[in-house]
Structures are given as C-alpha cells and as structure tokens.
Amino acid sequence: MSILPHSTPAAVPEGARPLGEGPFLVPGDQIDWHYRAPGWQPGDPSTISPMRVVRDDERGLVAWLAPGTLQEAQGSATGDRVRSIPLERRWLDRRTRIVEEWWGGGSLRIAPVGAAWSVCLFWKPADDGDWRFDGWYVNLENAHLRTDRDTYSSDHILDVWIAADRTVHLKDEDEVVAAISQGRLTREQAAQIERHAGAAIESFRSGEWPFDAEWIDWRPDPSWTIPALRGLDELRGA
C-alpha cells in the first residue's frame, strides 16, 4: 500500500524543502521544531521547540529537546495548556500563544526523510542520575519540510507508544474521534493516519534506524546549553 507523506495540507514558508536535502546543520546547532495546524496563518498559535541538532543528513533530522527548555505552545483562551480544554470542545475553542517549559526529562526526536511520523525517545528520571530508557513515542504527523534553521510539520493527533519491553499501544484514539466530529480531520484523513501508524509500527518491528539501539545509548554533549526560543520576549509581552 502506498503511504503518502502528508495526511493534512502543509503549512510551511515558501521555499521550504524536504528533510534530507542540504545545506545541513552540524551537531550542536540550534533548530526550531514547529508544529502548525493545517491552514495556519501568521500570528496563529503553534508549537515551537528550540532544539540542538544531533544529526542532519540524507537520512533525516535528529535533535535533542533539553529539560527546562522554554517553548511556544498552544494554550486555551485563558492561557492554560491546551489539554485543559474539554475534549468535546478541543478543536472548537479558540487557542492562544503561550510560553511553556518542557516538563520532565529531555527527549531525543528523530524525523526520518519522507516519513509521516517522528520518533521521540524518553528516559525515566532517576535519583541516582542514571538514564533508564522508558520507550519510543511515535508522533504521527506530516512529513517534515524545512528551511535552514527551522523544520515544520502538522500533528495528526493519533500516536503510538512502544514501551521498553517492546509492547505496542495506540494512543489518543478518542481524540481522533473528537477531531472528526469537530471538523479537524475528515474520515479519509483519519483512515490514512491509521495506515501511517501501521507503517511506523512495521518500521519498528523491522529494526529500522530510528529505532536502532544506538539511540537508546546516546547522550547529549555536556557542553550544550539550552537554546533560546526566538522571539521569547515578544511572546511573553503579548
């Protein structure tokens, strides 16, 4: 079955190129990872995470989201996290631009070229400072398009959680149902997203490189500082 790279229309700057096409960034460079809703317009809320590049080449993009990173996020009309909006109104109520600190430990994100999903690796915080691998969070989304310092996608709501013991679970299926009823997704788009979930699971079971054990053992360069979100002061004053 052919898996198309986009389930929803791309909302990217003019001239954006696919991942895997140079020029490439080098490890330690900052890249801003954007999630925009389909139909996004300048000034609309989005999610923007400033990250450090781990790898940027023909295979795709790998980047580190450090603990304590301040990012732009989508909030409710009252400025709370978007998940505070009741599910029955999640895609109907107005959203706002807010500043949000990345919670918990860091996350390593891997976006393969042409894939309609990215992989986030998580580790459980430990009092002894050890890294204990928790699992892979597969975020279903548009295949990334990027400019020199930014990469863009649109979230597809449905996700896959693959625990460290390799058990696989779909996540947020109830949100997909709500998104269809509220006009965020069509039934055809939702069906294609489910196919993308199957492709991601098959990639995991085939041991493809986003799921390689090398990433479980990877650690960030201790000299890296937390990158600053561009326009943070302006956003705080909005």
C-alpha atoms as a PDB file:
ATOM      1  CA  MET A   1       0.000   0.000   0.000  1.00  0.00           C
ATOM      2  CA  SER A   2       1.328   3.415  -0.913  1.00  0.00           C
ATOM      3  CA  ILE A   3       1.798   5.660   2.120  1.00  0.00           C
ATOM      4  CA  LEU A   4       1.573   9.326   1.187  1.00  0.00           C
ATOM      5  CA  PRO A   5       3.795  11.745   3.137  1.00  0.00           C
ATOM      6  CA  HIS A   6       1.007  14.168   4.121  1.00  0.00           C
ATOM      7  CA  SER A   7      -2.380  13.467   5.676  1.00  0.00           C
ATOM      8  CA  THR A   8      -3.204  17.152   6.076  1.00  0.00           C
ATOM      9  CA  PRO A   9      -2.226  20.204   3.967  1.00  0.00           C
ATOM     10  CA  ALA A  10       1.262  21.511   4.669  1.00  0.00           C
ATOM     11  CA  ALA A  11       1.526  24.931   6.351  1.00  0.00           C
ATOM     12  CA  VAL A  12       5.131  25.961   5.679  1.00  0.00           C
ATOM     13  CA  PRO A  13       7.077  29.008   4.458  1.00  0.00           C
ATOM     14  CA  GLU A  14       7.540  29.447   0.729  1.00  0.00           C
ATOM     15  CA  GLY A  15      10.639  27.655  -0.484  1.00  0.00           C
ATOM     16  CA  ALA A  16      10.692  25.041   2.286  1.00  0.00           C
ATOM     17  CA  ARG A  17      12.435  21.839   1.233  1.00  0.00           C
ATOM     18  CA  PRO A  18      12.086  18.213   2.343  1.00  0.00           C
ATOM     19  CA  LEU A  19      14.338  16.765   5.010  1.00  0.00           C
ATOM     20  CA  GLY A  20      17.384  15.090   3.521  1.00  0.00           C
ATOM     21  CA  GLU A  21      18.247  17.957   1.184  1.00  0.00           C
ATOM     22  CA  GLY A  22      21.157  20.242   2.119  1.00  0.00           C
ATOM     23  CA  PRO A  23      22.502  22.533   3.285  1.00  0.00           C
ATOM     24  CA  PHE A  24      22.694  20.650   6.564  1.00  0.00           C
ATOM     25  CA  LEU A  25      23.325  21.833  10.109  1.00  0.00           C
ATOM     26  CA  VAL A  26      26.112  20.444  12.285  1.00  0.00           C
ATOM     27  CA  PRO A  27      25.786  18.857  15.746  1.00  0.00           C
ATOM     28  CA  GLY A  28      25.119  21.481  18.396  1.00  0.00           C
ATOM     29  CA  ASP A  29      23.459  23.964  16.040  1.00  0.00           C
ATOM     30  CA  GLN A  30      20.010  25.220  17.020  1.00  0.00           C
ATOM     31  CA  ILE A  31      16.988  24.187  15.017  1.00  0.00           C
ATOM     32  CA  ASP A  32      13.427  25.200  15.849  1.00  0.00           C
ATOM     33  CA  TRP A  33      10.885  22.374  15.532  1.00  0.00           C
ATOM     34  CA  HIS A  34       7.429  23.721  14.557  1.00  0.00           C
ATOM     35  CA  TYR A  35       4.000  22.103  14.700  1.00  0.00           C
ATOM     36  CA  ARG A  36       1.371  24.106  12.813  1.00  0.00           C
ATOM     37  CA  ALA A  37      -2.279  23.312  12.298  1.00  0.00           C
ATOM     38  CA  PRO A  38      -3.426  22.939   8.670  1.00  0.00           C
ATOM     39  CA  GLY A  39      -4.367  26.355   7.340  1.00  0.00           C
ATOM     40  CA  TRP A  40      -2.031  28.133   9.778  1.00  0.00           C
ATOM     41  CA  GLN A  41      -1.622  31.875   9.173  1.00  0.00           C
ATOM     42  CA  PRO A  42       0.976  34.311  10.595  1.00  0.00           C
ATOM     43  CA  GLY A  43       0.067  35.122  14.190  1.00  0.00           C
ATOM     44  CA  ASP A  44      -1.848  31.895  14.734  1.00  0.00           C
ATOM     45  CA  PRO A  45      -0.753  29.765  17.699  1.00  0.00           C
ATOM     46  CA  SER A  46       1.651  26.912  17.069  1.00  0.00           C
ATOM     47  CA  THR A  47       4.153  24.792  18.960  1.00  0.00           C
ATOM     48  CA  ILE A  48       7.820  25.766  18.537  1.00  0.00           C
ATOM     49  CA  SER A  49      10.577  23.892  20.364  1.00  0.00           C
ATOM     50  CA  PRO A  50      14.186  25.174  20.176  1.00  0.00           C
ATOM     51  CA  MET A  51      16.482  22.140  19.996  1.00  0.00           C
ATOM     52  CA  ARG A  52      20.105  21.104  19.462  1.00  0.00           C
ATOM     53  CA  VAL A  53      20.956  19.222  16.265  1.00  0.00           C
ATOM     54  CA  VAL A  54      22.361  15.738  16.812  1.00  0.00           C
ATOM     55  CA  ARG A  55      22.379  14.653  13.171  1.00  0.00           C
ATOM     56  CA  ASP A  56      21.159  16.358   9.999  1.00  0.00           C
ATOM     57  CA  ASP A  57      21.813  14.480   6.749  1.00  0.00           C
ATOM     58  CA  GLU A  58      20.295  12.441   3.926  1.00  0.00           C
ATOM     59  CA  ARG A  59      18.554  10.096   6.374  1.00  0.00           C
ATOM     60  CA  GLY A  60      16.702  12.807   8.228  1.00  0.00           C
ATOM     61  CA  LEU A  61      16.910  15.010  11.294  1.00  0.00           C
ATOM     62  CA  VAL A  62      17.817  14.037  14.859  1.00  0.00           C
ATOM     63  CA  ALA A  63      17.541  16.722  17.556  1.00  0.00           C
ATOM     64  CA  TRP A  64      17.648  16.998  21.363  1.00  0.00           C
ATOM     65  CA  LEU A  65      14.955  18.754  23.396  1.00  0.00           C
ATOM     66  CA  ALA A  66      16.610  19.554  26.717  1.00  0.00           C
ATOM     67  CA  PRO A  67      14.877  19.598  30.112  1.00  0.00           C
ATOM     68  CA  GLY A  68      13.795  23.099  31.087  1.00  0.00           C
ATOM     69  CA  THR A  69      13.518  24.362  27.507  1.00  0.00           C
ATOM     70  CA  LEU A  70      11.099  27.272  27.106  1.00  0.00           C
ATOM     71  CA  GLN A  71       8.936  26.759  24.029  1.00  0.00           C
ATOM     72  CA  GLU A  72       5.989  28.400  22.366  1.00  0.00           C
ATOM     73  CA  ALA A  73       2.856  26.324  22.860  1.00  0.00           C
ATOM     74  CA  GLN A  74      -0.822  26.396  22.064  1.00  0.00           C
ATOM     75  CA  GLY A  75      -2.974  27.397  25.030  1.00  0.00           C
ATOM     76  CA  SER A  76      -6.622  27.776  25.906  1.00  0.00           C
ATOM     77  CA  ALA A  77      -8.374  31.151  25.791  1.00  0.00           C
ATOM     78  CA  THR A  78      -7.421  31.580  29.455  1.00  0.00           C
ATOM     79  CA  GLY A  79      -3.745  30.814  28.805  1.00  0.00           C
ATOM     80  CA  ASP A  80      -3.756  27.301  30.236  1.00  0.00           C
ATOM     81  CA  ARG A  81      -2.321  24.247  28.494  1.00  0.00           C
ATOM     82  CA  VAL A  82      -4.402  23.171  25.515  1.00  0.00           C
ATOM     83  CA  ARG A  83      -5.199  19.826  27.158  1.00  0.00           C
ATOM     84  CA  SER A  84      -7.183  21.741  29.747  1.00  0.00           C
ATOM     85  CA  ILE A  85      -9.841  22.315  27.056  1.00  0.00           C
ATOM     86  CA  PRO A  86     -12.550  19.628  27.437  1.00  0.00           C
ATOM     87  CA  LEU A  87     -12.354  17.006  24.726  1.00  0.00           C
ATOM     88  CA  GLU A  88     -15.840  17.835  23.448  1.00  0.00           C
ATOM     89  CA  ARG A  89     -14.544  21.334  22.558  1.00  0.00           C
ATOM     90  CA  ARG A  90     -10.844  20.647  21.956  1.00  0.00           C
ATOM     91  CA  TRP A  91     -10.919  21.703  18.265  1.00  0.00           C
ATOM     92  CA  LEU A  92     -13.697  24.264  18.530  1.00  0.00           C
ATOM     93  CA  ASP A  93     -12.459  26.682  21.198  1.00  0.00           C
ATOM     94  CA  ARG A  94     -10.045  29.490  20.343  1.00  0.00           C
ATOM     95  CA  ARG A  95      -6.396  28.823  21.068  1.00  0.00           C
ATOM     96  CA  THR A  96      -3.748  31.317  22.175  1.00  0.00           C
ATOM     97  CA  ARG A  97       0.034  31.581  22.063  1.00  0.00           C
ATOM     98  CA  ILE A  98       1.682  30.802  25.400  1.00  0.00           C
ATOM     99  CA  VAL A  99       5.161  30.124  26.784  1.00  0.00           C
ATOM    100  CA  GLU A 100       5.558  26.652  28.263  1.00  0.00           C
ATOM    101  CA  GLU A 101       8.505  24.919  29.874  1.00  0.00           C
ATOM    102  CA  TRP A 102       9.281  21.433  28.592  1.00  0.00           C
ATOM    103  CA  TRP A 103       8.423  19.181  31.517  1.00  0.00           C
ATOM    104  CA  GLY A 104      10.270  16.133  32.770  1.00  0.00           C
ATOM    105  CA  GLY A 105      13.481  14.825  31.285  1.00  0.00           C
ATOM    106  CA  GLY A 106      14.810  15.535  27.835  1.00  0.00           C
ATOM    107  CA  SER A 107      13.630  13.897  24.638  1.00  0.00           C
ATOM    108  CA  LEU A 108      15.545  12.800  21.555  1.00  0.00           C
ATOM    109  CA  ARG A 109      13.482  13.346  18.403  1.00  0.00           C
ATOM    110  CA  ILE A 110      14.150  11.564  15.110  1.00  0.00           C
ATOM    111  CA  ALA A 111      12.348  12.596  11.900  1.00  0.00           C
ATOM    112  CA  PRO A 112      13.146  10.194   9.020  1.00  0.00           C
ATOM    113  CA  VAL A 113      13.086  11.568   5.480  1.00  0.00           C
ATOM    114  CA  GLY A 114       9.645  11.278   3.877  1.00  0.00           C
ATOM    115  CA  ALA A 115       8.006   9.598   6.869  1.00  0.00           C
ATOM    116  CA  ALA A 116       4.631  10.763   8.158  1.00  0.00           C
ATOM    117  CA  TRP A 117       5.818  10.328  11.739  1.00  0.00           C
ATOM    118  CA  SER A 118       8.718  11.096  14.050  1.00  0.00           C
ATOM    119  CA  VAL A 119      10.127   9.099  16.951  1.00  0.00           C
ATOM    120  CA  CYS A 120      10.690  10.557  20.429  1.00  0.00           C
ATOM    121  CA  LEU A 121      12.869   8.591  22.843  1.00  0.00           C
ATOM    122  CA  PHE A 122      12.175   9.063  26.553  1.00  0.00           C
ATOM    123  CA  TRP A 123      14.125   8.110  29.655  1.00  0.00           C
ATOM    124  CA  LYS A 124      12.733   7.852  33.189  1.00  0.00           C
ATOM    125  CA  PRO A 125      14.237  10.351  35.648  1.00  0.00           C
ATOM    126  CA  ALA A 126      16.340   8.591  38.265  1.00  0.00           C
ATOM    127  CA  ASP A 127      17.557   9.908  41.621  1.00  0.00           C
ATOM    128  CA  ASP A 128      20.986   8.398  41.008  1.00  0.00           C
ATOM    129  CA  GLY A 129      21.349  10.330  37.753  1.00  0.00           C
ATOM    130  CA  ASP A 130      21.254   7.168  35.652  1.00  0.00           C
ATOM    131  CA  TRP A 131      19.363   7.106  32.341  1.00  0.00           C
ATOM    132  CA  ARG A 132      16.653   4.442  32.304  1.00  0.00           C
ATOM    133  CA  PHE A 133      15.072   4.022  28.905  1.00  0.00           C
ATOM    134  CA  ASP A 134      11.282   4.244  29.021  1.00  0.00           C
ATOM    135  CA  GLY A 135      10.276   3.760  25.389  1.00  0.00           C
ATOM    136  CA  TRP A 136       9.597   5.211  21.968  1.00  0.00           C
ATOM    137  CA  TYR A 137       6.762   7.692  21.411  1.00  0.00           C
ATOM    138  CA  VAL A 138       5.803   7.737  17.732  1.00  0.00           C
ATOM    139  CA  ASN A 139       4.189  11.058  16.863  1.00  0.00           C
ATOM    140  CA  LEU A 140       2.092  10.772  13.706  1.00  0.00           C
ATOM    141  CA  GLU A 141       2.469  13.951  11.669  1.00  0.00           C
ATOM    142  CA  ASN A 142       3.133  15.362   8.212  1.00  0.00           C
ATOM    143  CA  ALA A 143       6.495  14.534   6.673  1.00  0.00           C
ATOM    144  CA  HIS A 144       8.746  17.427   7.639  1.00  0.00           C
ATOM    145  CA  LEU A 145       9.577  20.337   5.370  1.00  0.00           C
ATOM    146  CA  ARG A 146      12.310  22.692   6.473  1.00  0.00           C
ATOM    147  CA  THR A 147      14.262  25.858   5.933  1.00  0.00           C
ATOM    148  CA  ASP A 148      17.859  26.385   7.018  1.00  0.00           C
ATOM    149  CA  ARG A 149      17.107  26.817  10.753  1.00  0.00           C
ATOM    150  CA  ASP A 150      13.539  25.519  11.144  1.00  0.00           C
ATOM    151  CA  THR A 151      11.585  22.338  10.474  1.00  0.00           C
ATOM    152  CA  TYR A 152       7.794  22.223  10.053  1.00  0.00           C
ATOM    153  CA  SER A 153       5.080  19.613  10.480  1.00  0.00           C
ATOM    154  CA  SER A 154       1.407  19.248  11.476  1.00  0.00           C
ATOM    155  CA  ASP A 155       0.388  16.913  14.276  1.00  0.00           C
ATOM    156  CA  HIS A 156      -2.044  14.106  13.445  1.00  0.00           C
ATOM    157  CA  ILE A 157      -3.396  13.526  16.982  1.00  0.00           C
ATOM    158  CA  LEU A 158      -3.121   9.710  16.929  1.00  0.00           C
ATOM    159  CA  ASP A 159       0.141   8.398  18.416  1.00  0.00           C
ATOM    160  CA  VAL A 160       1.888   5.094  19.084  1.00  0.00           C
ATOM    161  CA  TRP A 161       3.633   4.229  22.359  1.00  0.00           C
ATOM    162  CA  ILE A 162       6.229   1.452  22.246  1.00  0.00           C
ATOM    163  CA  ALA A 163       7.432   0.585  25.743  1.00  0.00           C
ATOM    164  CA  ALA A 164      10.973  -0.501  26.547  1.00  0.00           C
ATOM    165  CA  ASP A 165       9.714  -4.095  26.720  1.00  0.00           C
ATOM    166  CA  ARG A 166       8.613  -3.633  23.062  1.00  0.00           C
ATOM    167  CA  THR A 167       4.863  -3.761  23.679  1.00  0.00           C
ATOM    168  CA  VAL A 168       2.924  -1.519  21.280  1.00  0.00           C
ATOM    169  CA  HIS A 169      -0.143   0.603  22.058  1.00  0.00           C
ATOM    170  CA  LEU A 170      -2.115   3.190  20.083  1.00  0.00           C
ATOM    171  CA  LYS A 171      -2.736   6.449  21.962  1.00  0.00           C
ATOM    172  CA  ASP A 172      -5.404   9.159  21.811  1.00  0.00           C
ATOM    173  CA  GLU A 173      -7.892   7.279  19.662  1.00  0.00           C
ATOM    174  CA  ASP A 174     -10.681   9.121  21.500  1.00  0.00           C
ATOM    175  CA  GLU A 175      -9.147  12.421  20.424  1.00  0.00           C
ATOM    176  CA  VAL A 176      -9.215  11.317  16.775  1.00  0.00           C
ATOM    177  CA  VAL A 177     -12.940  10.577  17.073  1.00  0.00           C
ATOM    178  CA  ALA A 178     -13.499  14.025  18.606  1.00  0.00           C
ATOM    179  CA  ALA A 179     -11.358  15.690  15.918  1.00  0.00           C
ATOM    180  CA  ILE A 180     -13.523  14.142  13.186  1.00  0.00           C
ATOM    181  CA  SER A 181     -16.756  15.250  14.817  1.00  0.00           C
ATOM    182  CA  GLN A 182     -15.391  18.787  15.313  1.00  0.00           C
ATOM    183  CA  GLY A 183     -14.101  19.160  11.749  1.00  0.00           C
ATOM    184  CA  ARG A 184     -10.358  18.996  12.497  1.00  0.00           C
ATOM    185  CA  LEU A 185      -9.973  15.793  10.442  1.00  0.00           C
ATOM    186  CA  THR A 186     -12.015  14.079   7.769  1.00  0.00           C
ATOM    187  CA  ARG A 187     -12.725  10.361   7.992  1.00  0.00           C
ATOM    188  CA  GLU A 188     -10.487   9.852   4.955  1.00  0.00           C
ATOM    189  CA  GLN A 189      -7.610  11.671   6.643  1.00  0.00           C
ATOM    190  CA  ALA A 190      -8.107   9.657   9.824  1.00  0.00           C
ATOM    191  CA  ALA A 191      -8.008   6.409   7.822  1.00  0.00           C
ATOM    192  CA  GLN A 192      -4.745   7.452   6.193  1.00  0.00           C
ATOM    193  CA  ILE A 193      -3.274   8.373   9.584  1.00  0.00           C
ATOM    194  CA  GLU A 194      -4.109   4.857  10.791  1.00  0.00           C
ATOM    195  CA  ARG A 195      -2.182   3.496   7.804  1.00  0.00           C
ATOM    196  CA  HIS A 196       0.751   5.688   8.783  1.00  0.00           C
ATOM    197  CA  ALA A 197       0.586   4.236  12.297  1.00  0.00           C
ATOM    198  CA  GLY A 198       0.850   0.779  10.774  1.00  0.00           C
ATOM    199  CA  ALA A 199       3.861   1.849   8.693  1.00  0.00           C
ATOM    200  CA  ALA A 200       5.603   3.228  11.783  1.00  0.00           C
ATOM    201  CA  ILE A 201       4.965   0.021  13.729  1.00  0.00           C
ATOM    202  CA  GLU A 202       6.349  -2.019  10.832  1.00  0.00           C
ATOM    203  CA  SER A 203       9.449   0.227  10.801  1.00  0.00           C
ATOM    204  CA  PHE A 204       9.938  -0.558  14.485  1.00  0.00           C
ATOM    205  CA  ARG A 205       9.485  -4.298  14.010  1.00  0.00           C
ATOM    206  CA  SER A 206      11.923  -4.233  11.089  1.00  0.00           C
ATOM    207  CA  GLY A 207      14.556  -2.548  13.264  1.00  0.00           C
ATOM    208  CA  GLU A 208      14.982   0.475  11.017  1.00  0.00           C
ATOM    209  CA  TRP A 209      17.435   3.169  12.055  1.00  0.00           C
ATOM    210  CA  PRO A 210      15.128   5.479  14.083  1.00  0.00           C
ATOM    211  CA  PHE A 211      14.669   2.514  16.446  1.00  0.00           C
ATOM    212  CA  ASP A 212      18.310   1.428  16.482  1.00  0.00           C
ATOM    213  CA  ALA A 213      19.824   0.640  19.892  1.00  0.00           C
ATOM    214  CA  GLU A 214      22.471   3.317  19.291  1.00  0.00           C
ATOM    215  CA  TRP A 215      19.874   5.965  20.140  1.00  0.00           C
ATOM    216  CA  ILE A 216      18.993   4.333  23.449  1.00  0.00           C
ATOM    217  CA  ASP A 217      22.650   4.675  24.482  1.00  0.00           C
ATOM    218  CA  TRP A 218      23.034   8.205  23.084  1.00  0.00           C
ATOM    219  CA  ARG A 219      23.712  11.087  25.489  1.00  0.00           C
ATOM    220  CA  PRO A 220      23.812  14.848  24.830  1.00  0.00           C
ATOM    221  CA  ASP A 221      27.078  16.766  24.759  1.00  0.00           C
ATOM    222  CA  PRO A 222      27.513  18.078  28.330  1.00  0.00           C
ATOM    223  CA  SER A 223      28.766  21.404  26.948  1.00  0.00           C
ATOM    224  CA  TRP A 224      25.446  22.138  25.225  1.00  0.00           C
ATOM    225  CA  THR A 225      23.402  24.966  26.678  1.00  0.00           C
ATOM    226  CA  ILE A 226      19.621  25.175  26.455  1.00  0.00           C
ATOM    227  CA  PRO A 227      18.812  27.028  23.208  1.00  0.00           C
ATOM    228  CA  ALA A 228      16.663  30.153  23.462  1.00  0.00           C
ATOM    229  CA  LEU A 229      13.323  30.428  21.717  1.00  0.00           C
ATOM    230  CA  ARG A 230      13.475  33.166  19.113  1.00  0.00           C
ATOM    231  CA  GLY A 231      11.002  35.954  19.909  1.00  0.00           C
ATOM    232  CA  LEU A 232      10.552  34.811  23.514  1.00  0.00           C
ATOM    233  CA  ASP A 233      10.460  38.325  24.980  1.00  0.00           C
ATOM    234  CA  GLU A 234       7.880  39.421  22.418  1.00  0.00           C
ATOM    235  CA  LEU A 235       5.744  36.366  23.138  1.00  0.00           C
ATOM    236  CA  ARG A 236       5.880  36.958  26.887  1.00  0.00           C
ATOM    237  CA  GLY A 237       4.674  40.520  26.346  1.00  0.00           C
ATOM    238  CA  ALA A 238       1.813  39.508  24.053  1.00  0.00           C
END
